Amino acid sequence: METALGLALNDALAELLPEGHEEEKNEIAQVFDSVLLRHMQLYADELRKAEIERKKSTPSSPDKKKPASRQRRKADIHIEGNIEEYTCYMENWTMDVKNAKFECMGRILNQLTPELKTSLHKAEPTRNIRKRKKG
């Protein structure tokens, strides 16, 4: 046996059995190998079965998902909070908000972060004009 466990078994057998019992040492090592390998095989089989069961229990994913379109979507987001301090420079606002609550479709999005610092920037709407290729 070339494993650390096998070498430890050889050391233990060398201490327990005298020099003349090489045949008995080999038989014990073979039995140990067969028992160890059998247990390892049983464990591997159990792991394989558990993995198959796990795959069966998880819902299968639908067929290939459609790629996300680049269109803008509406979302109802409600934000409540107390503004402790704010600054405004040109078209940029910086606010310290306490007890903030972000809610989207009845679900609170920031349960763990009720205090936040946010910056708002004025943005002008732009049009995305696609030019047709002349062929």
N, C-alpha and C. Protein backbone atom coordinates (compact mmCIF):
# COMPACT_ATOMS: atom_id res chain seq x y z
N MET A 1 0.84 -1.18 0.00
CA MET A 1 0.00 0.00 0.00
C MET A 1 0.88 1.24 0.00
N GLU A 2 0.60 2.16 -0.89
CA GLU A 2 1.41 3.36 -1.06
C GLU A 2 0.81 4.57 -0.37
N THR A 3 -0.39 4.44 0.19
CA THR A 3 -1.03 5.59 0.82
C THR A 3 -0.48 5.79 2.23
N ALA A 4 -0.75 6.96 2.80
CA ALA A 4 -0.30 7.24 4.16
C ALA A 4 -0.96 6.28 5.14
N LEU A 5 -2.22 5.95 4.88
CA LEU A 5 -2.92 5.01 5.75
C LEU A 5 -2.29 3.62 5.65
N GLY A 6 -1.91 3.22 4.45
CA GLY A 6 -1.26 1.92 4.25
C GLY A 6 0.10 1.86 4.91
N LEU A 7 0.86 2.94 4.82
CA LEU A 7 2.17 2.98 5.48
C LEU A 7 2.03 2.94 6.99
N ALA A 8 1.01 3.60 7.52
CA ALA A 8 0.76 3.55 8.96
C ALA A 8 0.39 2.13 9.38
N LEU A 9 -0.40 1.43 8.56
CA LEU A 9 -0.75 0.04 8.86
C LEU A 9 0.49 -0.84 8.85
N ASN A 10 1.38 -0.64 7.87
CA ASN A 10 2.62 -1.43 7.82
C ASN A 10 3.47 -1.19 9.06
N ASP A 11 3.55 0.05 9.52
CA ASP A 11 4.31 0.35 10.74
C ASP A 11 3.69 -0.33 11.95
N ALA A 12 2.36 -0.30 12.05
CA ALA A 12 1.68 -0.94 13.18
C ALA A 12 1.88 -2.45 13.15
N LEU A 13 1.79 -3.04 11.97
CA LEU A 13 1.99 -4.49 11.86
C LEU A 13 3.44 -4.87 12.17
N ALA A 14 4.38 -4.03 11.82
CA ALA A 14 5.79 -4.31 12.12
C ALA A 14 6.03 -4.32 13.62
N GLU A 15 5.33 -3.47 14.34
CA GLU A 15 5.49 -3.44 15.80
C GLU A 15 4.77 -4.60 16.47
N LEU A 16 3.60 -4.99 15.93
CA LEU A 16 2.80 -6.03 16.58
C LEU A 16 3.29 -7.44 16.27
N LEU A 17 3.69 -7.69 15.04
CA LEU A 17 4.10 -9.04 14.65
C LEU A 17 5.63 -9.10 14.51
N PRO A 18 6.21 -10.22 14.95
CA PRO A 18 7.67 -10.35 14.83
C PRO A 18 8.09 -10.50 13.36
N GLU A 19 9.40 -10.56 13.13
CA GLU A 19 9.97 -10.57 11.80
C GLU A 19 9.55 -11.78 10.96
N GLY A 20 9.27 -12.89 11.54
CA GLY A 20 9.01 -14.11 10.80
C GLY A 20 7.60 -14.23 10.23
N HIS A 21 6.73 -13.28 10.46
CA HIS A 21 5.32 -13.40 10.06
C HIS A 21 4.99 -12.49 8.86
N GLU A 22 5.81 -12.52 7.84
CA GLU A 22 5.59 -11.67 6.66
C GLU A 22 4.31 -12.05 5.92
N GLU A 23 4.01 -13.35 5.88
CA GLU A 23 2.81 -13.81 5.17
C GLU A 23 1.54 -13.28 5.85
N GLU A 24 1.52 -13.32 7.17
CA GLU A 24 0.35 -12.81 7.91
C GLU A 24 0.21 -11.29 7.71
N LYS A 25 1.33 -10.58 7.69
CA LYS A 25 1.29 -9.13 7.47
C LYS A 25 0.67 -8.82 6.11
N ASN A 26 1.09 -9.56 5.09
CA ASN A 26 0.55 -9.33 3.75
C ASN A 26 -0.94 -9.63 3.68
N GLU A 27 -1.38 -10.71 4.36
CA GLU A 27 -2.81 -11.06 4.36
C GLU A 27 -3.63 -9.97 5.05
N ILE A 28 -3.13 -9.49 6.19
CA ILE A 28 -3.84 -8.42 6.90
C ILE A 28 -3.90 -7.17 6.03
N ALA A 29 -2.81 -6.84 5.36
CA ALA A 29 -2.79 -5.66 4.50
C ALA A 29 -3.78 -5.82 3.34
N GLN A 30 -3.88 -7.03 2.77
CA GLN A 30 -4.83 -7.26 1.67
C GLN A 30 -6.27 -7.12 2.15
N VAL A 31 -6.56 -7.67 3.34
CA VAL A 31 -7.91 -7.54 3.89
C VAL A 31 -8.22 -6.07 4.15
N PHE A 32 -7.26 -5.37 4.73
CA PHE A 32 -7.44 -3.94 4.99
C PHE A 32 -7.70 -3.18 3.69
N ASP A 33 -6.91 -3.47 2.67
CA ASP A 33 -7.11 -2.82 1.36
C ASP A 33 -8.50 -3.09 0.81
N SER A 34 -8.94 -4.34 0.86
CA SER A 34 -10.24 -4.68 0.29
C SER A 34 -11.37 -4.00 1.06
N VAL A 35 -11.27 -3.97 2.40
CA VAL A 35 -12.30 -3.32 3.21
C VAL A 35 -12.32 -1.82 2.94
N LEU A 36 -11.14 -1.21 2.93
CA LEU A 36 -11.05 0.22 2.69
C LEU A 36 -11.59 0.58 1.30
N LEU A 37 -11.18 -0.17 0.29
CA LEU A 37 -11.64 0.12 -1.06
C LEU A 37 -13.14 -0.09 -1.20
N ARG A 38 -13.68 -1.11 -0.53
CA ARG A 38 -15.12 -1.36 -0.58
C ARG A 38 -15.87 -0.19 0.04
N HIS A 39 -15.39 0.29 1.19
CA HIS A 39 -16.06 1.43 1.83
C HIS A 39 -15.95 2.69 0.97
N MET A 40 -14.81 2.87 0.35
CA MET A 40 -14.65 4.04 -0.52
C MET A 40 -15.59 3.94 -1.72
N GLN A 41 -15.76 2.72 -2.27
CA GLN A 41 -16.66 2.55 -3.40
C GLN A 41 -18.11 2.79 -2.98
N LEU A 42 -18.50 2.29 -1.80
CA LEU A 42 -19.86 2.52 -1.30
C LEU A 42 -20.11 4.01 -1.09
N TYR A 43 -19.14 4.70 -0.53
CA TYR A 43 -19.28 6.13 -0.31
C TYR A 43 -19.40 6.88 -1.63
N ALA A 44 -18.60 6.50 -2.61
CA ALA A 44 -18.68 7.15 -3.92
C ALA A 44 -20.04 6.89 -4.57
N ASP A 45 -20.56 5.67 -4.42
CA ASP A 45 -21.89 5.36 -4.97
C ASP A 45 -22.97 6.19 -4.30
N GLU A 46 -22.88 6.34 -2.97
CA GLU A 46 -23.86 7.15 -2.25
C GLU A 46 -23.80 8.62 -2.70
N LEU A 47 -22.59 9.12 -2.89
CA LEU A 47 -22.46 10.50 -3.37
C LEU A 47 -23.06 10.66 -4.76
N ARG A 48 -22.83 9.68 -5.62
CA ARG A 48 -23.37 9.74 -6.98
C ARG A 48 -24.90 9.73 -6.94
N LYS A 49 -25.47 8.85 -6.10
CA LYS A 49 -26.93 8.79 -5.97
C LYS A 49 -27.49 10.10 -5.42
N ALA A 50 -26.82 10.66 -4.42
CA ALA A 50 -27.28 11.93 -3.84
C ALA A 50 -27.23 13.05 -4.88
N GLU A 51 -26.21 13.05 -5.72
CA GLU A 51 -26.11 14.07 -6.77
C GLU A 51 -27.23 13.91 -7.79
N ILE A 52 -27.56 12.68 -8.14
CA ILE A 52 -28.66 12.42 -9.08
C ILE A 52 -29.97 12.88 -8.48
N GLU A 53 -30.20 12.58 -7.20
CA GLU A 53 -31.43 13.01 -6.52
C GLU A 53 -31.52 14.53 -6.46
N ARG A 54 -30.38 15.18 -6.20
CA ARG A 54 -30.37 16.64 -6.13
C ARG A 54 -30.73 17.24 -7.49
N LYS A 55 -30.19 16.66 -8.55
CA LYS A 55 -30.49 17.16 -9.89
C LYS A 55 -31.96 16.94 -10.24
N LYS A 56 -32.53 15.82 -9.77
CA LYS A 56 -33.94 15.55 -10.05
C LYS A 56 -34.83 16.52 -9.28
N SER A 57 -34.44 16.87 -8.06
CA SER A 57 -35.30 17.71 -7.22
C SER A 57 -35.27 19.17 -7.63
N THR A 58 -34.18 19.64 -8.23
CA THR A 58 -34.13 21.03 -8.67
C THR A 58 -34.94 21.18 -9.95
N PRO A 59 -35.68 22.26 -10.05
CA PRO A 59 -36.48 22.44 -11.27
C PRO A 59 -35.58 22.62 -12.48
N SER A 60 -35.97 22.00 -13.55
CA SER A 60 -35.17 22.12 -14.76
C SER A 60 -35.34 23.52 -15.33
N SER A 61 -34.28 24.03 -15.86
CA SER A 61 -34.35 25.38 -16.43
C SER A 61 -35.12 25.33 -17.74
N PRO A 62 -35.84 26.39 -18.03
CA PRO A 62 -36.57 26.40 -19.29
C PRO A 62 -35.59 26.38 -20.45
N ASP A 63 -36.14 26.21 -21.64
CA ASP A 63 -35.29 26.22 -22.82
C ASP A 63 -34.49 27.52 -22.85
N LYS A 64 -33.63 27.61 -23.77
CA LYS A 64 -32.73 28.76 -23.82
C LYS A 64 -33.49 30.06 -23.64
N LYS A 65 -32.94 30.89 -22.78
CA LYS A 65 -33.59 32.17 -22.50
C LYS A 65 -33.39 33.11 -23.68
N LYS A 66 -34.38 33.92 -23.89
CA LYS A 66 -34.28 34.91 -24.94
C LYS A 66 -33.31 36.00 -24.49
N PRO A 67 -32.55 36.54 -25.40
CA PRO A 67 -31.64 37.61 -25.00
C PRO A 67 -32.44 38.84 -24.55
N ALA A 68 -31.93 39.51 -23.56
CA ALA A 68 -32.63 40.68 -23.03
C ALA A 68 -32.62 41.79 -24.07
N SER A 69 -33.76 42.40 -24.22
CA SER A 69 -33.84 43.50 -25.17
C SER A 69 -33.28 44.75 -24.51
N ARG A 70 -32.88 45.70 -25.31
CA ARG A 70 -32.28 46.92 -24.78
C ARG A 70 -33.31 48.02 -24.58
N GLN A 71 -34.55 47.68 -24.63
CA GLN A 71 -35.58 48.69 -24.43
C GLN A 71 -35.67 49.04 -22.95
N ARG A 72 -36.10 50.25 -22.70
CA ARG A 72 -36.28 50.67 -21.31
C ARG A 72 -37.60 50.13 -20.80
N ARG A 73 -37.61 49.81 -19.54
CA ARG A 73 -38.81 49.27 -18.93
C ARG A 73 -39.20 50.16 -17.75
N LYS A 74 -40.48 50.18 -17.48
CA LYS A 74 -40.97 50.93 -16.34
C LYS A 74 -40.90 50.05 -15.10
N ALA A 75 -40.58 50.67 -13.98
CA ALA A 75 -40.57 49.97 -12.71
C ALA A 75 -41.10 50.93 -11.65
N ASP A 76 -42.01 50.45 -10.83
CA ASP A 76 -42.54 51.27 -9.75
C ASP A 76 -41.64 51.11 -8.54
N ILE A 77 -40.88 52.15 -8.26
CA ILE A 77 -40.00 52.14 -7.10
C ILE A 77 -40.41 53.31 -6.21
N HIS A 78 -40.68 53.01 -4.95
CA HIS A 78 -41.06 54.03 -3.98
C HIS A 78 -39.92 54.18 -2.99
N ILE A 79 -39.50 55.42 -2.77
CA ILE A 79 -38.41 55.70 -1.86
C ILE A 79 -38.92 56.64 -0.78
N GLU A 80 -38.72 56.23 0.47
CA GLU A 80 -39.09 57.07 1.62
C GLU A 80 -37.85 57.21 2.49
N GLY A 81 -37.71 58.36 3.13
CA GLY A 81 -36.59 58.55 4.02
C GLY A 81 -36.51 59.98 4.51
N ASN A 82 -35.65 60.20 5.48
CA ASN A 82 -35.44 61.53 6.05
C ASN A 82 -34.09 62.05 5.57
N ILE A 83 -34.11 63.21 4.92
CA ILE A 83 -32.86 63.80 4.45
C ILE A 83 -32.26 64.59 5.61
N GLU A 84 -31.10 64.15 6.07
CA GLU A 84 -30.42 64.82 7.18
C GLU A 84 -29.65 66.04 6.68
N GLU A 85 -29.02 65.89 5.53
CA GLU A 85 -28.16 66.95 5.04
C GLU A 85 -28.06 66.81 3.53
N TYR A 86 -28.03 67.94 2.83
CA TYR A 86 -27.83 67.85 1.39
C TYR A 86 -27.03 69.04 0.90
N THR A 87 -26.34 68.83 -0.20
CA THR A 87 -25.60 69.91 -0.85
C THR A 87 -25.94 69.89 -2.33
N CYS A 88 -25.87 71.07 -2.93
CA CYS A 88 -26.18 71.17 -4.35
C CYS A 88 -25.13 72.04 -5.01
N TYR A 89 -24.54 71.54 -6.05
CA TYR A 89 -23.59 72.32 -6.83
C TYR A 89 -23.90 72.10 -8.30
N MET A 90 -24.20 73.16 -8.99
CA MET A 90 -24.59 73.10 -10.40
C MET A 90 -25.79 72.16 -10.53
N GLU A 91 -25.63 71.06 -11.20
CA GLU A 91 -26.74 70.12 -11.39
C GLU A 91 -26.47 68.79 -10.71
N ASN A 92 -25.72 68.83 -9.60
CA ASN A 92 -25.42 67.63 -8.83
C ASN A 92 -25.89 67.82 -7.40
N TRP A 93 -26.60 66.84 -6.87
CA TRP A 93 -27.08 66.88 -5.50
C TRP A 93 -26.46 65.72 -4.73
N THR A 94 -26.03 66.00 -3.50
CA THR A 94 -25.52 64.97 -2.61
C THR A 94 -26.36 65.00 -1.35
N MET A 95 -26.88 63.83 -0.93
CA MET A 95 -27.78 63.78 0.22
C MET A 95 -27.37 62.67 1.17
N ASP A 96 -27.51 62.97 2.48
CA ASP A 96 -27.40 61.94 3.51
C ASP A 96 -28.82 61.60 3.92
N VAL A 97 -29.21 60.36 3.74
CA VAL A 97 -30.59 59.94 3.99
C VAL A 97 -30.59 58.95 5.16
N LYS A 98 -31.47 59.20 6.12
CA LYS A 98 -31.64 58.30 7.27
C LYS A 98 -33.00 57.62 7.17
N ASN A 99 -33.13 56.44 7.71
CA ASN A 99 -34.38 55.66 7.71
C ASN A 99 -34.95 55.53 6.30
N ALA A 100 -34.08 55.25 5.36
CA ALA A 100 -34.51 55.12 3.97
C ALA A 100 -35.17 53.77 3.75
N LYS A 101 -36.17 53.77 2.89
CA LYS A 101 -36.87 52.53 2.56
C LYS A 101 -37.13 52.54 1.05
N PHE A 102 -36.50 51.60 0.34
CA PHE A 102 -36.70 51.44 -1.09
C PHE A 102 -37.65 50.27 -1.28
N GLU A 103 -38.75 50.51 -1.95
CA GLU A 103 -39.76 49.47 -2.11
C GLU A 103 -40.09 49.33 -3.60
N CYS A 104 -40.07 48.09 -4.07
CA CYS A 104 -40.40 47.81 -5.47
C CYS A 104 -41.37 46.64 -5.49
N MET A 105 -42.55 46.86 -6.02
CA MET A 105 -43.60 45.84 -6.11
C MET A 105 -43.89 45.22 -4.73
N GLY A 106 -43.93 46.05 -3.70
CA GLY A 106 -44.26 45.58 -2.36
C GLY A 106 -43.12 44.94 -1.61
N ARG A 107 -41.95 44.88 -2.19
CA ARG A 107 -40.80 44.22 -1.56
C ARG A 107 -39.76 45.27 -1.19
N ILE A 108 -39.31 45.25 0.06
CA ILE A 108 -38.31 46.21 0.52
C ILE A 108 -36.94 45.75 0.03
N LEU A 109 -36.22 46.66 -0.63
CA LEU A 109 -34.96 46.28 -1.25
C LEU A 109 -33.74 46.55 -0.38
N ASN A 110 -33.84 47.44 0.59
CA ASN A 110 -32.66 47.81 1.38
C ASN A 110 -32.89 47.59 2.87
N GLN A 111 -33.23 46.42 3.27
CA GLN A 111 -33.52 46.16 4.69
C GLN A 111 -32.30 46.36 5.57
N LEU A 112 -31.12 46.06 5.06
CA LEU A 112 -29.92 46.12 5.88
C LEU A 112 -29.20 47.46 5.81
N THR A 113 -29.62 48.35 4.92
CA THR A 113 -28.94 49.64 4.78
C THR A 113 -29.93 50.79 4.87
N PRO A 114 -30.44 51.09 6.07
CA PRO A 114 -31.40 52.19 6.20
C PRO A 114 -30.76 53.57 6.10
N GLU A 115 -29.44 53.67 6.27
CA GLU A 115 -28.75 54.95 6.16
C GLU A 115 -27.87 54.91 4.92
N LEU A 116 -27.97 55.95 4.11
CA LEU A 116 -27.16 55.96 2.90
C LEU A 116 -26.81 57.37 2.49
N LYS A 117 -25.80 57.46 1.67
CA LYS A 117 -25.39 58.73 1.09
C LYS A 117 -25.55 58.56 -0.41
N THR A 118 -26.24 59.48 -1.04
CA THR A 118 -26.54 59.33 -2.46
C THR A 118 -26.18 60.60 -3.21
N SER A 119 -25.89 60.43 -4.47
CA SER A 119 -25.61 61.56 -5.36
C SER A 119 -26.55 61.47 -6.55
N LEU A 120 -27.14 62.59 -6.89
CA LEU A 120 -28.03 62.66 -8.04
C LEU A 120 -27.44 63.64 -9.05
N HIS A 121 -27.53 63.29 -10.29
CA HIS A 121 -27.01 64.13 -11.37
C HIS A 121 -28.11 64.35 -12.39
N LYS A 122 -28.21 65.57 -12.86
CA LYS A 122 -29.21 65.86 -13.88
C LYS A 122 -28.73 65.29 -15.21
N ALA A 123 -29.60 64.59 -15.87
CA ALA A 123 -29.27 64.00 -17.16
C ALA A 123 -30.28 64.45 -18.19
N GLU A 124 -29.80 64.78 -19.33
CA GLU A 124 -30.68 65.19 -20.42
C GLU A 124 -31.06 63.95 -21.22
N PRO A 125 -32.32 63.87 -21.63
CA PRO A 125 -32.71 62.73 -22.46
C PRO A 125 -32.04 62.82 -23.82
N THR A 126 -31.63 61.70 -24.32
CA THR A 126 -31.01 61.66 -25.64
C THR A 126 -31.79 60.71 -26.52
N ARG A 127 -31.68 60.93 -27.80
CA ARG A 127 -32.33 60.04 -28.74
C ARG A 127 -31.26 59.17 -29.38
N ASN A 128 -31.58 57.93 -29.51
CA ASN A 128 -30.66 56.99 -30.14
C ASN A 128 -31.09 56.84 -31.59
N ILE A 129 -30.45 57.58 -32.46
CA ILE A 129 -30.81 57.54 -33.88
C ILE A 129 -29.89 56.54 -34.57
N ARG A 130 -30.51 55.55 -35.16
CA ARG A 130 -29.74 54.54 -35.88
C ARG A 130 -29.66 54.93 -37.35
N LYS A 131 -28.47 54.92 -37.83
CA LYS A 131 -28.27 55.25 -39.24
C LYS A 131 -28.35 53.97 -40.06
N ARG A 132 -29.06 54.06 -41.14
CA ARG A 132 -29.17 52.90 -42.02
C ARG A 132 -27.91 52.81 -42.87
N LYS A 133 -27.45 51.59 -43.02
CA LYS A 133 -26.28 51.37 -43.86
C LYS A 133 -26.72 51.37 -45.32
N LYS A 134 -25.96 52.06 -46.10
CA LYS A 134 -26.26 52.07 -47.54
C LYS A 134 -25.48 50.94 -48.18
N GLY A 135 -26.19 50.09 -48.85
CA GLY A 135 -25.57 48.90 -49.39
C GLY A 135 -25.34 48.97 -50.80
